[in-house]
Amino acid sequence: TAVLLFARLSYVPFTNNRAERDLRMSKVKQKVSGCFRTRKYAEAYCRISSYLQTMANQGYNPLAAIQMAFSGQLYADRGE
């Protein structure tokens, strides 16, 4: 019953590989730069990219998300 659930319910995604797509940029970064020099910078990269990916998945522009983070407003009130 779950195999074709996406065909009946429009909010169900066609694939379940969102996690794989979200991890792809980290692997590309690792391949290009080789590695992070310290754990601190790796954690900072993961935290920032995770925030930007989450905001993008919720429909926010990355520049607006950065402005919101710097102003201390992590999420905007969308009136929902």
PDB file of N, CA and C in Angstrom:
ATOM      1  N   THR A   1       0.816  -1.210   0.000  1.00  0.00           N
ATOM      2  CA  THR A   1       0.000   0.000   0.000  1.00  0.00           C
ATOM      3  C   THR A   1       0.854   1.266   0.000  1.00  0.00           C
ATOM      4  N   ALA A   2       2.052   1.180   0.564  1.00  0.00           N
ATOM      5  CA  ALA A   2       2.910   2.366   0.642  1.00  0.00           C
ATOM      6  C   ALA A   2       3.711   2.590  -0.632  1.00  0.00           C
ATOM      7  N   VAL A   3       3.796   1.598  -1.502  1.00  0.00           N
ATOM      8  CA  VAL A   3       4.628   1.716  -2.694  1.00  0.00           C
ATOM      9  C   VAL A   3       4.122   2.815  -3.623  1.00  0.00           C
ATOM     10  N   LEU A   4       2.854   2.909  -3.834  1.00  0.00           N
ATOM     11  CA  LEU A   4       2.285   3.913  -4.731  1.00  0.00           C
ATOM     12  C   LEU A   4       1.548   5.018  -3.977  1.00  0.00           C
ATOM     13  N   LEU A   5       1.908   5.223  -2.736  1.00  0.00           N
ATOM     14  CA  LEU A   5       1.245   6.243  -1.930  1.00  0.00           C
ATOM     15  C   LEU A   5       1.419   7.641  -2.524  1.00  0.00           C
ATOM     16  N   PHE A   6       2.563   7.894  -3.159  1.00  0.00           N
ATOM     17  CA  PHE A   6       2.806   9.201  -3.782  1.00  0.00           C
ATOM     18  C   PHE A   6       1.807   9.492  -4.893  1.00  0.00           C
ATOM     19  N   ALA A   7       1.253   8.462  -5.516  1.00  0.00           N
ATOM     20  CA  ALA A   7       0.291   8.658  -6.598  1.00  0.00           C
ATOM     21  C   ALA A   7      -1.074   9.099  -6.062  1.00  0.00           C
ATOM     22  N   ARG A   8      -1.379   8.723  -4.830  1.00  0.00           N
ATOM     23  CA  ARG A   8      -2.671   9.088  -4.251  1.00  0.00           C
ATOM     24  C   ARG A   8      -2.611  10.380  -3.447  1.00  0.00           C
ATOM     25  N   LEU A   9      -1.487  10.620  -2.773  1.00  0.00           N
ATOM     26  CA  LEU A   9      -1.367  11.794  -1.904  1.00  0.00           C
ATOM     27  C   LEU A   9      -0.296  12.725  -2.459  1.00  0.00           C
ATOM     28  N   SER A  10      -0.693  13.939  -2.794  1.00  0.00           N
ATOM     29  CA  SER A  10       0.230  14.861  -3.458  1.00  0.00           C
ATOM     30  C   SER A  10       1.378  15.316  -2.573  1.00  0.00           C
ATOM     31  N   TYR A  11       1.219  15.270  -1.248  1.00  0.00           N
ATOM     32  CA  TYR A  11       2.293  15.747  -0.373  1.00  0.00           C
ATOM     33  C   TYR A  11       3.362  14.685  -0.105  1.00  0.00           C
ATOM     34  N   VAL A  12       3.145  13.451  -0.545  1.00  0.00           N
ATOM     35  CA  VAL A  12       4.139  12.393  -0.368  1.00  0.00           C
ATOM     36  C   VAL A  12       5.132  12.476  -1.520  1.00  0.00           C
ATOM     37  N   PRO A  13       6.438  12.603  -1.211  1.00  0.00           N
ATOM     38  CA  PRO A  13       7.430  12.713  -2.289  1.00  0.00           C
ATOM     39  C   PRO A  13       7.568  11.418  -3.075  1.00  0.00           C
ATOM     40  N   PHE A  14       7.976  11.561  -4.330  1.00  0.00           N
ATOM     41  CA  PHE A  14       8.156  10.411  -5.215  1.00  0.00           C
ATOM     42  C   PHE A  14       9.284   9.504  -4.719  1.00  0.00           C
ATOM     43  N   THR A  15      10.353  10.104  -4.206  1.00  0.00           N
ATOM     44  CA  THR A  15      11.480   9.332  -3.681  1.00  0.00           C
ATOM     45  C   THR A  15      11.691   9.671  -2.212  1.00  0.00           C
ATOM     46  N   ASN A  16      12.451   8.842  -1.533  1.00  0.00           N
ATOM     47  CA  ASN A  16      12.762   9.100  -0.136  1.00  0.00           C
ATOM     48  C   ASN A  16      14.248   9.375   0.060  1.00  0.00           C
ATOM     49  N   ASN A  17      14.906   9.908  -0.955  1.00  0.00           N
ATOM     50  CA  ASN A  17      16.343  10.102  -0.859  1.00  0.00           C
ATOM     51  C   ASN A  17      16.722  11.552  -0.522  1.00  0.00           C
ATOM     52  N   ARG A  18      15.867  12.267   0.171  1.00  0.00           N
ATOM     53  CA  ARG A  18      16.181  13.642   0.571  1.00  0.00           C
ATOM     54  C   ARG A  18      17.436  13.677   1.437  1.00  0.00           C
ATOM     55  N   ALA A  19      17.587  12.725   2.327  1.00  0.00           N
ATOM     56  CA  ALA A  19      18.773  12.670   3.189  1.00  0.00           C
ATOM     57  C   ALA A  19      20.033  12.475   2.356  1.00  0.00           C
ATOM     58  N   GLU A  20      19.959  11.625   1.352  1.00  0.00           N
ATOM     59  CA  GLU A  20      21.117  11.414   0.482  1.00  0.00           C
ATOM     60  C   GLU A  20      21.465  12.680  -0.276  1.00  0.00           C
ATOM     61  N   ARG A  21      20.462  13.389  -0.767  1.00  0.00           N
ATOM     62  CA  ARG A  21      20.719  14.638  -1.483  1.00  0.00           C
ATOM     63  C   ARG A  21      21.294  15.700  -0.559  1.00  0.00           C
ATOM     64  N   ASP A  22      20.830  15.721   0.690  1.00  0.00           N
ATOM     65  CA  ASP A  22      21.340  16.701   1.643  1.00  0.00           C
ATOM     66  C   ASP A  22      22.791  16.422   2.015  1.00  0.00           C
ATOM     67  N   LEU A  23      23.188  15.160   2.006  1.00  0.00           N
ATOM     68  CA  LEU A  23      24.575  14.813   2.332  1.00  0.00           C
ATOM     69  C   LEU A  23      25.525  14.980   1.151  1.00  0.00           C
ATOM     70  N   ARG A  24      24.991  15.064  -0.041  1.00  0.00           N
ATOM     71  CA  ARG A  24      25.829  15.111  -1.239  1.00  0.00           C
ATOM     72  C   ARG A  24      26.807  16.284  -1.223  1.00  0.00           C
ATOM     73  N   MET A  25      26.369  17.469  -0.814  1.00  0.00           N
ATOM     74  CA  MET A  25      27.270  18.628  -0.831  1.00  0.00           C
ATOM     75  C   MET A  25      28.416  18.466   0.155  1.00  0.00           C
ATOM     76  N   SER A  26      28.193  17.795   1.266  1.00  0.00           N
ATOM     77  CA  SER A  26      29.278  17.545   2.211  1.00  0.00           C
ATOM     78  C   SER A  26      30.340  16.648   1.587  1.00  0.00           C
ATOM     79  N   LYS A  27      29.908  15.653   0.849  1.00  0.00           N
ATOM     80  CA  LYS A  27      30.867  14.767   0.190  1.00  0.00           C
ATOM     81  C   LYS A  27      31.614  15.495  -0.921  1.00  0.00           C
ATOM     82  N   VAL A  28      30.942  16.368  -1.652  1.00  0.00           N
ATOM     83  CA  VAL A  28      31.617  17.156  -2.687  1.00  0.00           C
ATOM     84  C   VAL A  28      32.658  18.064  -2.037  1.00  0.00           C
ATOM     85  N   LYS A  29      32.295  18.713  -0.944  1.00  0.00           N
ATOM     86  CA  LYS A  29      33.237  19.576  -0.221  1.00  0.00           C
ATOM     87  C   LYS A  29      34.445  18.766   0.233  1.00  0.00           C
ATOM     88  N   GLN A  30      34.215  17.570   0.738  1.00  0.00           N
ATOM     89  CA  GLN A  30      35.305  16.715   1.189  1.00  0.00           C
ATOM     90  C   GLN A  30      36.217  16.316   0.027  1.00  0.00           C
ATOM     91  N   LYS A  31      35.637  16.019  -1.128  1.00  0.00           N
ATOM     92  CA  LYS A  31      36.437  15.629  -2.289  1.00  0.00           C
ATOM     93  C   LYS A  31      37.265  16.793  -2.806  1.00  0.00           C
ATOM     94  N   VAL A  32      36.689  17.994  -2.822  1.00  0.00           N
ATOM     95  CA  VAL A  32      37.387  19.154  -3.371  1.00  0.00           C
ATOM     96  C   VAL A  32      38.519  19.600  -2.453  1.00  0.00           C
ATOM     97  N   SER A  33      38.229  19.742  -1.170  1.00  0.00           N
ATOM     98  CA  SER A  33      39.233  20.274  -0.252  1.00  0.00           C
ATOM     99  C   SER A  33      40.080  19.188   0.399  1.00  0.00           C
ATOM    100  N   GLY A  34      39.674  17.947   0.290  1.00  0.00           N
ATOM    101  CA  GLY A  34      40.424  16.857   0.891  1.00  0.00           C
ATOM    102  C   GLY A  34      39.940  16.536   2.290  1.00  0.00           C
ATOM    103  N   CYS A  35      39.901  17.538   3.148  1.00  0.00           N
ATOM    104  CA  CYS A  35      39.435  17.321   4.513  1.00  0.00           C
ATOM    105  C   CYS A  35      39.306  18.669   5.212  1.00  0.00           C
ATOM    106  N   PHE A  36      38.721  18.653   6.379  1.00  0.00           N
ATOM    107  CA  PHE A  36      38.707  19.838   7.225  1.00  0.00           C
ATOM    108  C   PHE A  36      39.946  19.788   8.102  1.00  0.00           C
ATOM    109  N   ARG A  37      40.548  20.943   8.366  1.00  0.00           N
ATOM    110  CA  ARG A  37      41.789  20.977   9.154  1.00  0.00           C
ATOM    111  C   ARG A  37      41.547  20.712  10.633  1.00  0.00           C
ATOM    112  N   THR A  38      40.424  21.175  11.141  1.00  0.00           N
ATOM    113  CA  THR A  38      40.119  20.928  12.554  1.00  0.00           C
ATOM    114  C   THR A  38      38.666  20.509  12.694  1.00  0.00           C
ATOM    115  N   ARG A  39      38.372  19.877  13.795  1.00  0.00           N
ATOM    116  CA  ARG A  39      37.007  19.442  14.077  1.00  0.00           C
ATOM    117  C   ARG A  39      36.079  20.656  14.209  1.00  0.00           C
ATOM    118  N   LYS A  40      36.599  21.735  14.750  1.00  0.00           N
ATOM    119  CA  LYS A  40      35.812  22.955  14.947  1.00  0.00           C
ATOM    120  C   LYS A  40      35.244  23.470  13.621  1.00  0.00           C
ATOM    121  N   TYR A  41      36.081  23.484  12.589  1.00  0.00           N
ATOM    122  CA  TYR A  41      35.629  23.974  11.283  1.00  0.00           C
ATOM    123  C   TYR A  41      34.668  22.993  10.609  1.00  0.00           C
ATOM    124  N   ALA A  42      34.868  21.713  10.821  1.00  0.00           N
ATOM    125  CA  ALA A  42      33.941  20.711  10.281  1.00  0.00           C
ATOM    126  C   ALA A  42      32.570  20.867  10.917  1.00  0.00           C
ATOM    127  N   GLU A  43      32.546  21.075  12.230  1.00  0.00           N
ATOM    128  CA  GLU A  43      31.271  21.262  12.923  1.00  0.00           C
ATOM    129  C   GLU A  43      30.584  22.549  12.486  1.00  0.00           C
ATOM    130  N   ALA A  44      31.370  23.617  12.291  1.00  0.00           N
ATOM    131  CA  ALA A  44      30.796  24.886  11.829  1.00  0.00           C
ATOM    132  C   ALA A  44      30.189  24.718  10.435  1.00  0.00           C
ATOM    133  N   TYR A  45      30.908  24.033   9.543  1.00  0.00           N
ATOM    134  CA  TYR A  45      30.390  23.802   8.196  1.00  0.00           C
ATOM    135  C   TYR A  45      29.084  23.014   8.246  1.00  0.00           C
ATOM    136  N   CYS A  46      29.061  21.960   9.053  1.00  0.00           N
ATOM    137  CA  CYS A  46      27.857  21.124   9.159  1.00  0.00           C
ATOM    138  C   CYS A  46      26.684  21.918   9.723  1.00  0.00           C
ATOM    139  N   ARG A  47      26.946  22.735  10.713  1.00  0.00           N
ATOM    140  CA  ARG A  47      25.869  23.512  11.337  1.00  0.00           C
ATOM    141  C   ARG A  47      25.295  24.535  10.356  1.00  0.00           C
ATOM    142  N   ILE A  48      26.159  25.240   9.662  1.00  0.00           N
ATOM    143  CA  ILE A  48      25.696  26.263   8.720  1.00  0.00           C
ATOM    144  C   ILE A  48      24.978  25.628   7.536  1.00  0.00           C
ATOM    145  N   SER A  49      25.567  24.582   6.956  1.00  0.00           N
ATOM    146  CA  SER A  49      24.929  23.957   5.794  1.00  0.00           C
ATOM    147  C   SER A  49      23.608  23.290   6.178  1.00  0.00           C
ATOM    148  N   SER A  50      23.534  22.725   7.371  1.00  0.00           N
ATOM    149  CA  SER A  50      22.288  22.118   7.830  1.00  0.00           C
ATOM    150  C   SER A  50      21.187  23.170   7.967  1.00  0.00           C
ATOM    151  N   TYR A  51      21.539  24.315   8.543  1.00  0.00           N
ATOM    152  CA  TYR A  51      20.571  25.405   8.688  1.00  0.00           C
ATOM    153  C   TYR A  51      20.082  25.876   7.321  1.00  0.00           C
ATOM    154  N   LEU A  52      21.014  26.093   6.389  1.00  0.00           N
ATOM    155  CA  LEU A  52      20.627  26.588   5.065  1.00  0.00           C
ATOM    156  C   LEU A  52      19.793  25.565   4.298  1.00  0.00           C
ATOM    157  N   GLN A  53      20.117  24.289   4.426  1.00  0.00           N
ATOM    158  CA  GLN A  53      19.328  23.253   3.752  1.00  0.00           C
ATOM    159  C   GLN A  53      17.926  23.157   4.345  1.00  0.00           C
ATOM    160  N   THR A  54      17.837  23.265   5.665  1.00  0.00           N
ATOM    161  CA  THR A  54      16.524  23.225   6.308  1.00  0.00           C
ATOM    162  C   THR A  54      15.673  24.400   5.858  1.00  0.00           C
ATOM    163  N   MET A  55      16.257  25.585   5.821  1.00  0.00           N
ATOM    164  CA  MET A  55      15.514  26.767   5.393  1.00  0.00           C
ATOM    165  C   MET A  55      15.112  26.656   3.919  1.00  0.00           C
ATOM    166  N   ALA A  56      15.997  26.134   3.088  1.00  0.00           N
ATOM    167  CA  ALA A  56      15.665  25.951   1.672  1.00  0.00           C
ATOM    168  C   ALA A  56      14.522  24.959   1.516  1.00  0.00           C
ATOM    169  N   ASN A  57      14.527  23.892   2.304  1.00  0.00           N
ATOM    170  CA  ASN A  57      13.450  22.902   2.245  1.00  0.00           C
ATOM    171  C   ASN A  57      12.119  23.497   2.694  1.00  0.00           C
ATOM    172  N   GLN A  58      12.175  24.548   3.514  1.00  0.00           N
ATOM    173  CA  GLN A  58      10.952  25.214   3.954  1.00  0.00           C
ATOM    174  C   GLN A  58      10.579  26.389   3.046  1.00  0.00           C
ATOM    175  N   GLY A  59      11.345  26.588   1.967  1.00  0.00           N
ATOM    176  CA  GLY A  59      10.995  27.597   0.979  1.00  0.00           C
ATOM    177  C   GLY A  59      11.633  28.959   1.174  1.00  0.00           C
ATOM    178  N   TYR A  60      12.627  29.064   2.039  1.00  0.00           N
ATOM    179  CA  TYR A  60      13.288  30.348   2.267  1.00  0.00           C
ATOM    180  C   TYR A  60      14.453  30.536   1.305  1.00  0.00           C
ATOM    181  N   ASN A  61      14.670  31.758   0.888  1.00  0.00           N
ATOM    182  CA  ASN A  61      15.829  32.135   0.093  1.00  0.00           C
ATOM    183  C   ASN A  61      17.059  32.052   0.995  1.00  0.00           C
ATOM    184  N   PRO A  62      18.189  31.512   0.520  1.00  0.00           N
ATOM    185  CA  PRO A  62      19.376  31.400   1.365  1.00  0.00           C
ATOM    186  C   PRO A  62      19.873  32.739   1.918  1.00  0.00           C
ATOM    187  N   LEU A  63      19.825  33.786   1.108  1.00  0.00           N
ATOM    188  CA  LEU A  63      20.268  35.095   1.604  1.00  0.00           C
ATOM    189  C   LEU A  63      19.342  35.622   2.695  1.00  0.00           C
ATOM    190  N   ALA A  64      18.057  35.413   2.533  1.00  0.00           N
ATOM    191  CA  ALA A  64      17.111  35.823   3.572  1.00  0.00           C
ATOM    192  C   ALA A  64      17.330  35.007   4.845  1.00  0.00           C
ATOM    193  N   ALA A  65      17.638  33.726   4.693  1.00  0.00           N
ATOM    194  CA  ALA A  65      17.900  32.875   5.855  1.00  0.00           C
ATOM    195  C   ALA A  65      19.138  33.344   6.612  1.00  0.00           C
ATOM    196  N   ILE A  66      20.174  33.747   5.874  1.00  0.00           N
ATOM    197  CA  ILE A  66      21.392  34.259   6.512  1.00  0.00           C
ATOM    198  C   ILE A  66      21.095  35.561   7.246  1.00  0.00           C
ATOM    199  N   GLN A  67      20.335  36.452   6.616  1.00  0.00           N
ATOM    200  CA  GLN A  67      19.968  37.713   7.267  1.00  0.00           C
ATOM    201  C   GLN A  67      19.158  37.443   8.531  1.00  0.00           C
ATOM    202  N   MET A  68      18.248  36.483   8.471  1.00  0.00           N
ATOM    203  CA  MET A  68      17.442  36.144   9.642  1.00  0.00           C
ATOM    204  C   MET A  68      18.326  35.606  10.767  1.00  0.00           C
ATOM    205  N   ALA A  69      19.310  34.776  10.421  1.00  0.00           N
ATOM    206  CA  ALA A  69      20.188  34.203  11.439  1.00  0.00           C
ATOM    207  C   ALA A  69      21.025  35.294  12.103  1.00  0.00           C
ATOM    208  N   PHE A  70      21.550  36.230  11.313  1.00  0.00           N
ATOM    209  CA  PHE A  70      22.362  37.313  11.881  1.00  0.00           C
ATOM    210  C   PHE A  70      21.537  38.268  12.731  1.00  0.00           C
ATOM    211  N   SER A  71      20.261  38.381  12.433  1.00  0.00           N
ATOM    212  CA  SER A  71      19.411  39.278  13.225  1.00  0.00           C
ATOM    213  C   SER A  71      18.841  38.566  14.459  1.00  0.00           C
ATOM    214  N   GLY A  72      19.159  37.284  14.609  1.00  0.00           N
ATOM    215  CA  GLY A  72      18.673  36.535  15.771  1.00  0.00           C
ATOM    216  C   GLY A  72      17.312  35.912  15.562  1.00  0.00           C
ATOM    217  N   GLN A  73      16.775  36.054  14.386  1.00  0.00           N
ATOM    218  CA  GLN A  73      15.453  35.508  14.063  1.00  0.00           C
ATOM    219  C   GLN A  73      15.682  34.255  13.225  1.00  0.00           C
ATOM    220  N   LEU A  74      15.663  33.090  13.855  1.00  0.00           N
ATOM    221  CA  LEU A  74      16.000  31.868  13.142  1.00  0.00           C
ATOM    222  C   LEU A  74      14.923  31.440  12.160  1.00  0.00           C
ATOM    223  N   TYR A  75      13.664  31.709  12.492  1.00  0.00           N
ATOM    224  CA  TYR A  75      12.571  31.379  11.600  1.00  0.00           C
ATOM    225  C   TYR A  75      11.622  32.569  11.535  1.00  0.00           C
ATOM    226  N   ALA A  76      11.170  32.895  10.345  1.00  0.00           N
ATOM    227  CA  ALA A  76      10.225  33.998  10.180  1.00  0.00           C
ATOM    228  C   ALA A  76       8.805  33.489  10.421  1.00  0.00           C
ATOM    229  N   ASP A  77       7.980  34.353  10.919  1.00  0.00           N
ATOM    230  CA  ASP A  77       6.580  34.008  11.101  1.00  0.00           C
ATOM    231  C   ASP A  77       5.892  34.146   9.756  1.00  0.00           C
ATOM    232  N   ARG A  78       5.409  33.042   9.225  1.00  0.00           N
ATOM    233  CA  ARG A  78       4.779  33.047   7.904  1.00  0.00           C
ATOM    234  C   ARG A  78       3.271  33.171   7.998  1.00  0.00           C
ATOM    235  N   GLY A  79       2.761  33.394   9.204  1.00  0.00           N
ATOM    236  CA  GLY A  79       1.330  33.557   9.369  1.00  0.00           C
ATOM    237  C   GLY A  79       0.560  32.251   9.303  1.00  0.00           C
ATOM    238  N   GLU A  80       1.227  31.157   9.573  1.00  0.00           N
ATOM    239  CA  GLU A  80       0.560  29.849   9.504  1.00  0.00           C
ATOM    240  C   GLU A  80       0.004  29.473  10.842  1.00  0.00           C
TER     241      GLU A  80
END
